[in-house]
């Protein structure tokens, strides 16, 4: 998949999504949270869930699914 977003940004967000692995090992959720924080400057809250660019989210998710650095057990 090609993305209009820089590969460095996608890799950075994929790595940032790992910080949420301690609370939930859910790749989709964790990638979405990292993208949400990047786009809106804050993590989503129960009452304020804003949309994120789907193409960016999917690119970040793809990088995580392809492996990158291995997940910690």
PDB file of N, CA and C in Angstrom:
ATOM      1  N   UNK A   1       0.851  -1.172   0.000  1.00  0.00           N
ATOM      2  CA  UNK A   1       0.000   0.000   0.000  1.00  0.00           C
ATOM      3  C   UNK A   1       0.894   1.232   0.000  1.00  0.00           C
ATOM      4  N   UNK A   2       0.582   2.181  -0.840  1.00  0.00           N
ATOM      5  CA  UNK A   2       1.304   3.435  -0.832  1.00  0.00           C
ATOM      6  C   UNK A   2       0.494   4.454  -0.054  1.00  0.00           C
ATOM      7  N   UNK A   3       1.198   5.350   0.586  1.00  0.00           N
ATOM      8  CA  UNK A   3       0.540   6.320   1.449  1.00  0.00           C
ATOM      9  C   UNK A   3       1.103   7.703   1.149  1.00  0.00           C
ATOM     10  N   UNK A   4       0.265   8.735   1.233  1.00  0.00           N
ATOM     11  CA  UNK A   4       0.780  10.088   1.029  1.00  0.00           C
ATOM     12  C   UNK A   4       1.560  10.582   2.254  1.00  0.00           C
ATOM     13  N   UNK A   5       1.583   9.799   3.315  1.00  0.00           N
ATOM     14  CA  UNK A   5       2.283  10.188   4.537  1.00  0.00           C
ATOM     15  C   UNK A   5       3.718   9.686   4.489  1.00  0.00           C
ATOM     16  N   UNK A   6       4.657  10.459   5.029  1.00  0.00           N
ATOM     17  CA  UNK A   6       6.067  10.024   5.018  1.00  0.00           C
ATOM     18  C   UNK A   6       6.260   8.713   5.784  1.00  0.00           C
ATOM     19  N   UNK A   7       7.100   7.865   5.231  1.00  0.00           N
ATOM     20  CA  UNK A   7       7.382   6.577   5.875  1.00  0.00           C
ATOM     21  C   UNK A   7       7.952   6.770   7.279  1.00  0.00           C
ATOM     22  N   UNK A   8       8.729   7.833   7.474  1.00  0.00           N
ATOM     23  CA  UNK A   8       9.297   8.091   8.801  1.00  0.00           C
ATOM     24  C   UNK A   8       8.191   8.356   9.814  1.00  0.00           C
ATOM     25  N   UNK A   9       7.159   9.090   9.424  1.00  0.00           N
ATOM     26  CA  UNK A   9       6.029   9.365  10.318  1.00  0.00           C
ATOM     27  C   UNK A   9       5.280   8.081  10.638  1.00  0.00           C
ATOM     28  N   UNK A  10       5.047   7.269   9.624  1.00  0.00           N
ATOM     29  CA  UNK A  10       4.335   6.006   9.824  1.00  0.00           C
ATOM     30  C   UNK A  10       5.114   5.109  10.786  1.00  0.00           C
ATOM     31  N   UNK A  11       6.425   5.010  10.589  1.00  0.00           N
ATOM     32  CA  UNK A  11       7.259   4.192  11.479  1.00  0.00           C
ATOM     33  C   UNK A  11       7.261   4.753  12.893  1.00  0.00           C
ATOM     34  N   UNK A  12       7.314   6.069  13.021  1.00  0.00           N
ATOM     35  CA  UNK A  12       7.302   6.712  14.338  1.00  0.00           C
ATOM     36  C   UNK A  12       5.995   6.420  15.079  1.00  0.00           C
ATOM     37  N   UNK A  13       4.879   6.507  14.367  1.00  0.00           N
ATOM     38  CA  UNK A  13       3.587   6.244  14.996  1.00  0.00           C
ATOM     39  C   UNK A  13       3.417   4.763  15.324  1.00  0.00           C
ATOM     40  N   UNK A  14       3.942   3.895  14.476  1.00  0.00           N
ATOM     41  CA  UNK A  14       3.883   2.457  14.771  1.00  0.00           C
ATOM     42  C   UNK A  14       4.653   2.162  16.048  1.00  0.00           C
ATOM     43  N   UNK A  15       5.808   2.776  16.194  1.00  0.00           N
ATOM     44  CA  UNK A  15       6.589   2.588  17.417  1.00  0.00           C
ATOM     45  C   UNK A  15       5.871   3.209  18.610  1.00  0.00           C
ATOM     46  N   UNK A  16       5.265   4.380  18.427  1.00  0.00           N
ATOM     47  CA  UNK A  16       4.530   5.038  19.514  1.00  0.00           C
ATOM     48  C   UNK A  16       3.347   4.194  19.975  1.00  0.00           C
ATOM     49  N   UNK A  17       2.761   3.436  19.065  1.00  0.00           N
ATOM     50  CA  UNK A  17       1.611   2.607  19.434  1.00  0.00           C
ATOM     51  C   UNK A  17       1.995   1.515  20.423  1.00  0.00           C
ATOM     52  N   UNK A  18       3.266   1.169  20.469  1.00  0.00           N
ATOM     53  CA  UNK A  18       3.735   0.114  21.384  1.00  0.00           C
ATOM     54  C   UNK A  18       3.586   0.516  22.847  1.00  0.00           C
ATOM     55  N   UNK A  19       3.584   1.817  23.134  1.00  0.00           N
ATOM     56  CA  UNK A  19       3.471   2.220  24.539  1.00  0.00           C
ATOM     57  C   UNK A  19       2.123   1.823  25.141  1.00  0.00           C
ATOM     58  N   UNK A  20       1.136   1.555  24.294  1.00  0.00           N
ATOM     59  CA  UNK A  20      -0.179   1.152  24.780  1.00  0.00           C
ATOM     60  C   UNK A  20      -0.307  -0.361  24.919  1.00  0.00           C
ATOM     61  N   UNK A  21       0.702  -1.105  24.496  1.00  0.00           N
ATOM     62  CA  UNK A  21       0.651  -2.563  24.567  1.00  0.00           C
ATOM     63  C   UNK A  21       0.534  -3.065  26.003  1.00  0.00           C
ATOM     64  N   UNK A  22       1.020  -2.301  26.958  1.00  0.00           N
ATOM     65  CA  UNK A  22       0.971  -2.731  28.361  1.00  0.00           C
ATOM     66  C   UNK A  22      -0.467  -2.770  28.886  1.00  0.00           C
ATOM     67  N   UNK A  23      -1.339  -1.928  28.331  1.00  0.00           N
ATOM     68  CA  UNK A  23      -2.720  -1.895  28.812  1.00  0.00           C
ATOM     69  C   UNK A  23      -3.644  -2.762  27.968  1.00  0.00           C
ATOM     70  N   UNK A  24      -3.298  -2.960  26.702  1.00  0.00           N
ATOM     71  CA  UNK A  24      -4.132  -3.795  25.831  1.00  0.00           C
ATOM     72  C   UNK A  24      -3.296  -4.231  24.635  1.00  0.00           C
ATOM     73  N   UNK A  25      -3.237  -5.511  24.414  1.00  0.00           N
ATOM     74  CA  UNK A  25      -2.461  -6.037  23.279  1.00  0.00           C
ATOM     75  C   UNK A  25      -3.337  -6.071  22.027  1.00  0.00           C
ATOM     76  N   UNK A  26      -4.019  -4.981  21.758  1.00  0.00           N
ATOM     77  CA  UNK A  26      -4.937  -4.870  20.631  1.00  0.00           C
ATOM     78  C   UNK A  26      -4.315  -3.916  19.614  1.00  0.00           C
ATOM     79  N   UNK A  27      -3.744  -4.464  18.553  1.00  0.00           N
ATOM     80  CA  UNK A  27      -3.031  -3.642  17.575  1.00  0.00           C
ATOM     81  C   UNK A  27      -3.896  -2.531  16.997  1.00  0.00           C
ATOM     82  N   UNK A  28      -5.140  -2.866  16.654  1.00  0.00           N
ATOM     83  CA  UNK A  28      -6.014  -1.866  16.040  1.00  0.00           C
ATOM     84  C   UNK A  28      -6.238  -0.686  16.977  1.00  0.00           C
ATOM     85  N   UNK A  29      -6.563  -0.984  18.205  1.00  0.00           N
ATOM     86  CA  UNK A  29      -6.811   0.064  19.205  1.00  0.00           C
ATOM     87  C   UNK A  29      -5.557   0.894  19.451  1.00  0.00           C
ATOM     88  N   UNK A  30      -4.441   0.224  19.630  1.00  0.00           N
ATOM     89  CA  UNK A  30      -3.208   0.917  19.966  1.00  0.00           C
ATOM     90  C   UNK A  30      -2.722   1.809  18.829  1.00  0.00           C
ATOM     91  N   UNK A  31      -2.851   1.346  17.600  1.00  0.00           N
ATOM     92  CA  UNK A  31      -2.460   2.161  16.449  1.00  0.00           C
ATOM     93  C   UNK A  31      -3.396   3.358  16.314  1.00  0.00           C
ATOM     94  N   UNK A  32      -4.681   3.128  16.512  1.00  0.00           N
ATOM     95  CA  UNK A  32      -5.645   4.216  16.425  1.00  0.00           C
ATOM     96  C   UNK A  32      -5.348   5.282  17.483  1.00  0.00           C
ATOM     97  N   UNK A  33      -5.010   4.853  18.698  1.00  0.00           N
ATOM     98  CA  UNK A  33      -4.716   5.811  19.764  1.00  0.00           C
ATOM     99  C   UNK A  33      -3.475   6.638  19.446  1.00  0.00           C
ATOM    100  N   UNK A  34      -2.447   6.007  18.884  1.00  0.00           N
ATOM    101  CA  UNK A  34      -1.226   6.738  18.530  1.00  0.00           C
ATOM    102  C   UNK A  34      -1.511   7.759  17.427  1.00  0.00           C
ATOM    103  N   UNK A  35      -2.299   7.368  16.434  1.00  0.00           N
ATOM    104  CA  UNK A  35      -2.646   8.289  15.346  1.00  0.00           C
ATOM    105  C   UNK A  35      -3.527   9.411  15.877  1.00  0.00           C
ATOM    106  N   UNK A  36      -4.483   9.087  16.735  1.00  0.00           N
ATOM    107  CA  UNK A  36      -5.362  10.106  17.319  1.00  0.00           C
ATOM    108  C   UNK A  36      -4.536  11.150  18.064  1.00  0.00           C
ATOM    109  N   UNK A  37      -3.586  10.698  18.866  1.00  0.00           N
ATOM    110  CA  UNK A  37      -2.748  11.636  19.626  1.00  0.00           C
ATOM    111  C   UNK A  37      -1.913  12.498  18.679  1.00  0.00           C
ATOM    112  N   UNK A  38      -1.395  11.908  17.607  1.00  0.00           N
ATOM    113  CA  UNK A  38      -0.609  12.673  16.646  1.00  0.00           C
ATOM    114  C   UNK A  38      -1.461  13.741  15.956  1.00  0.00           C
ATOM    115  N   UNK A  39      -2.647  13.371  15.525  1.00  0.00           N
ATOM    116  CA  UNK A  39      -3.504  14.282  14.757  1.00  0.00           C
ATOM    117  C   UNK A  39      -4.117  15.372  15.634  1.00  0.00           C
ATOM    118  N   UNK A  40      -4.608  14.984  16.818  1.00  0.00           N
ATOM    119  CA  UNK A  40      -5.360  15.918  17.651  1.00  0.00           C
ATOM    120  C   UNK A  40      -4.567  16.466  18.839  1.00  0.00           C
ATOM    121  N   UNK A  41      -3.387  15.909  19.103  1.00  0.00           N
ATOM    122  CA  UNK A  41      -2.549  16.399  20.185  1.00  0.00           C
ATOM    123  C   UNK A  41      -2.888  15.852  21.558  1.00  0.00           C
ATOM    124  N   UNK A  42      -3.923  15.026  21.637  1.00  0.00           N
ATOM    125  CA  UNK A  42      -4.337  14.423  22.905  1.00  0.00           C
ATOM    126  C   UNK A  42      -4.829  13.011  22.645  1.00  0.00           C
ATOM    127  N   UNK A  43      -4.789  12.200  23.689  1.00  0.00           N
ATOM    128  CA  UNK A  43      -5.382  10.870  23.586  1.00  0.00           C
ATOM    129  C   UNK A  43      -6.901  11.000  23.577  1.00  0.00           C
ATOM    130  N   UNK A  44      -7.576  10.036  22.993  1.00  0.00           N
ATOM    131  CA  UNK A  44      -9.041  10.104  23.000  1.00  0.00           C
ATOM    132  C   UNK A  44      -9.569   9.911  24.419  1.00  0.00           C
ATOM    133  N   UNK A  45     -10.690  10.539  24.689  1.00  0.00           N
ATOM    134  CA  UNK A  45     -11.354  10.324  25.974  1.00  0.00           C
ATOM    135  C   UNK A  45     -12.726   9.720  25.705  1.00  0.00           C
ATOM    136  N   UNK A  46     -13.354   9.275  26.739  1.00  0.00           N
ATOM    137  CA  UNK A  46     -14.660   8.634  26.600  1.00  0.00           C
ATOM    138  C   UNK A  46     -15.673   9.551  25.921  1.00  0.00           C
ATOM    139  N   UNK A  47     -15.537  10.838  26.149  1.00  0.00           N
ATOM    140  CA  UNK A  47     -16.525  11.794  25.641  1.00  0.00           C
ATOM    141  C   UNK A  47     -16.047  12.559  24.414  1.00  0.00           C
ATOM    142  N   UNK A  48     -14.797  12.394  24.044  1.00  0.00           N
ATOM    143  CA  UNK A  48     -14.240  13.164  22.935  1.00  0.00           C
ATOM    144  C   UNK A  48     -13.439  12.248  22.026  1.00  0.00           C
ATOM    145  N   UNK A  49     -14.134  11.521  21.185  1.00  0.00           N
ATOM    146  CA  UNK A  49     -13.471  10.618  20.245  1.00  0.00           C
ATOM    147  C   UNK A  49     -13.617  11.216  18.850  1.00  0.00           C
ATOM    148  N   UNK A  50     -12.523  11.781  18.358  1.00  0.00           N
ATOM    149  CA  UNK A  50     -12.548  12.410  17.036  1.00  0.00           C
ATOM    150  C   UNK A  50     -12.001  11.444  15.987  1.00  0.00           C
ATOM    151  N   UNK A  51     -12.387  11.672  14.780  1.00  0.00           N
ATOM    152  CA  UNK A  51     -11.920  10.816  13.689  1.00  0.00           C
ATOM    153  C   UNK A  51     -10.454  11.080  13.380  1.00  0.00           C
ATOM    154  N   UNK A  52      -9.826  10.070  12.801  1.00  0.00           N
ATOM    155  CA  UNK A  52      -8.441  10.194  12.351  1.00  0.00           C
ATOM    156  C   UNK A  52      -8.408   9.847  10.866  1.00  0.00           C
ATOM    157  N   UNK A  53      -7.364  10.306  10.145  1.00  0.00           N
ATOM    158  CA  UNK A  53      -7.250   9.950   8.734  1.00  0.00           C
ATOM    159  C   UNK A  53      -7.103   8.433   8.574  1.00  0.00           C
ATOM    160  N   UNK A  54      -8.062   7.838   7.903  1.00  0.00           N
ATOM    161  CA  UNK A  54      -8.068   6.381   7.776  1.00  0.00           C
ATOM    162  C   UNK A  54      -6.815   5.861   7.081  1.00  0.00           C
ATOM    163  N   UNK A  55      -6.362   6.557   6.068  1.00  0.00           N
ATOM    164  CA  UNK A  55      -5.186   6.097   5.325  1.00  0.00           C
ATOM    165  C   UNK A  55      -3.940   6.063   6.212  1.00  0.00           C
ATOM    166  N   UNK A  56      -3.793   7.049   7.079  1.00  0.00           N
ATOM    167  CA  UNK A  56      -2.660   7.076   8.006  1.00  0.00           C
ATOM    168  C   UNK A  56      -2.790   5.944   9.018  1.00  0.00           C
ATOM    169  N   UNK A  57      -3.970   5.788   9.581  1.00  0.00           N
ATOM    170  CA  UNK A  57      -4.210   4.709  10.545  1.00  0.00           C
ATOM    171  C   UNK A  57      -3.888   3.345   9.928  1.00  0.00           C
ATOM    172  N   UNK A  58      -4.374   3.095   8.717  1.00  0.00           N
ATOM    173  CA  UNK A  58      -4.143   1.799   8.068  1.00  0.00           C
ATOM    174  C   UNK A  58      -2.675   1.565   7.761  1.00  0.00           C
ATOM    175  N   UNK A  59      -1.955   2.635   7.405  1.00  0.00           N
ATOM    176  CA  UNK A  59      -0.525   2.497   7.131  1.00  0.00           C
ATOM    177  C   UNK A  59       0.235   2.142   8.408  1.00  0.00           C
ATOM    178  N   UNK A  60      -0.121   2.779   9.513  1.00  0.00           N
ATOM    179  CA  UNK A  60       0.517   2.484  10.802  1.00  0.00           C
ATOM    180  C   UNK A  60       0.196   1.049  11.221  1.00  0.00           C
ATOM    181  N   UNK A  61      -1.043   0.666  11.075  1.00  0.00           N
ATOM    182  CA  UNK A  61      -1.459  -0.694  11.429  1.00  0.00           C
ATOM    183  C   UNK A  61      -0.712  -1.729  10.585  1.00  0.00           C
ATOM    184  N   UNK A  62      -0.543  -1.456   9.328  1.00  0.00           N
ATOM    185  CA  UNK A  62       0.168  -2.392   8.443  1.00  0.00           C
ATOM    186  C   UNK A  62       1.612  -2.587   8.901  1.00  0.00           C
ATOM    187  N   UNK A  63       2.266  -1.501   9.288  1.00  0.00           N
ATOM    188  CA  UNK A  63       3.650  -1.606   9.771  1.00  0.00           C
ATOM    189  C   UNK A  63       3.705  -2.474  11.025  1.00  0.00           C
ATOM    190  N   UNK A  64       2.772  -2.268  11.946  1.00  0.00           N
ATOM    191  CA  UNK A  64       2.748  -3.087  13.158  1.00  0.00           C
ATOM    192  C   UNK A  64       2.483  -4.548  12.834  1.00  0.00           C
ATOM    193  N   UNK A  65       1.574  -4.795  11.902  1.00  0.00           N
ATOM    194  CA  UNK A  65       1.253  -6.192  11.548  1.00  0.00           C
ATOM    195  C   UNK A  65       2.420  -6.878  10.851  1.00  0.00           C
ATOM    196  N   UNK A  66       3.219  -6.120  10.127  1.00  0.00           N
ATOM    197  CA  UNK A  66       4.360  -6.703   9.423  1.00  0.00           C
ATOM    198  C   UNK A  66       5.504  -7.010  10.371  1.00  0.00           C
ATOM    199  N   UNK A  67       5.406  -6.544  11.575  1.00  0.00           N
ATOM    200  CA  UNK A  67       6.409  -6.915  12.557  1.00  0.00           C
ATOM    201  C   UNK A  67       7.189  -5.758  13.095  1.00  0.00           C
ATOM    202  N   UNK A  68       8.082  -5.186  12.290  1.00  0.00           N
ATOM    203  CA  UNK A  68       8.957  -4.182  12.850  1.00  0.00           C
ATOM    204  C   UNK A  68       9.756  -4.843  13.964  1.00  0.00           C
ATOM    205  N   UNK A  69      10.153  -4.077  14.977  1.00  0.00           N
ATOM    206  CA  UNK A  69      10.825  -4.712  16.112  1.00  0.00           C
ATOM    207  C   UNK A  69       9.861  -5.677  16.800  1.00  0.00           C
ATOM    208  N   UNK A  70      10.332  -6.811  17.274  1.00  0.00           N
ATOM    209  CA  UNK A  70       9.441  -7.806  17.869  1.00  0.00           C
ATOM    210  C   UNK A  70       8.747  -7.272  19.118  1.00  0.00           C
ATOM    211  N   UNK A  71       7.506  -7.734  19.322  1.00  0.00           N
ATOM    212  CA  UNK A  71       6.767  -7.381  20.534  1.00  0.00           C
ATOM    213  C   UNK A  71       7.399  -8.068  21.721  1.00  0.00           C
ATOM    214  N   UNK A  72       7.333  -7.434  22.856  1.00  0.00           N
ATOM    215  CA  UNK A  72       7.808  -8.063  24.080  1.00  0.00           C
ATOM    216  C   UNK A  72       6.779  -9.068  24.557  1.00  0.00           C
ATOM    217  N   UNK A  73       7.220 -10.162  25.167  1.00  0.00           N
ATOM    218  CA  UNK A  73       6.250 -11.164  25.651  1.00  0.00           C
ATOM    219  C   UNK A  73       5.402 -10.635  26.780  1.00  0.00           C
TER     220      UNK A  73
END
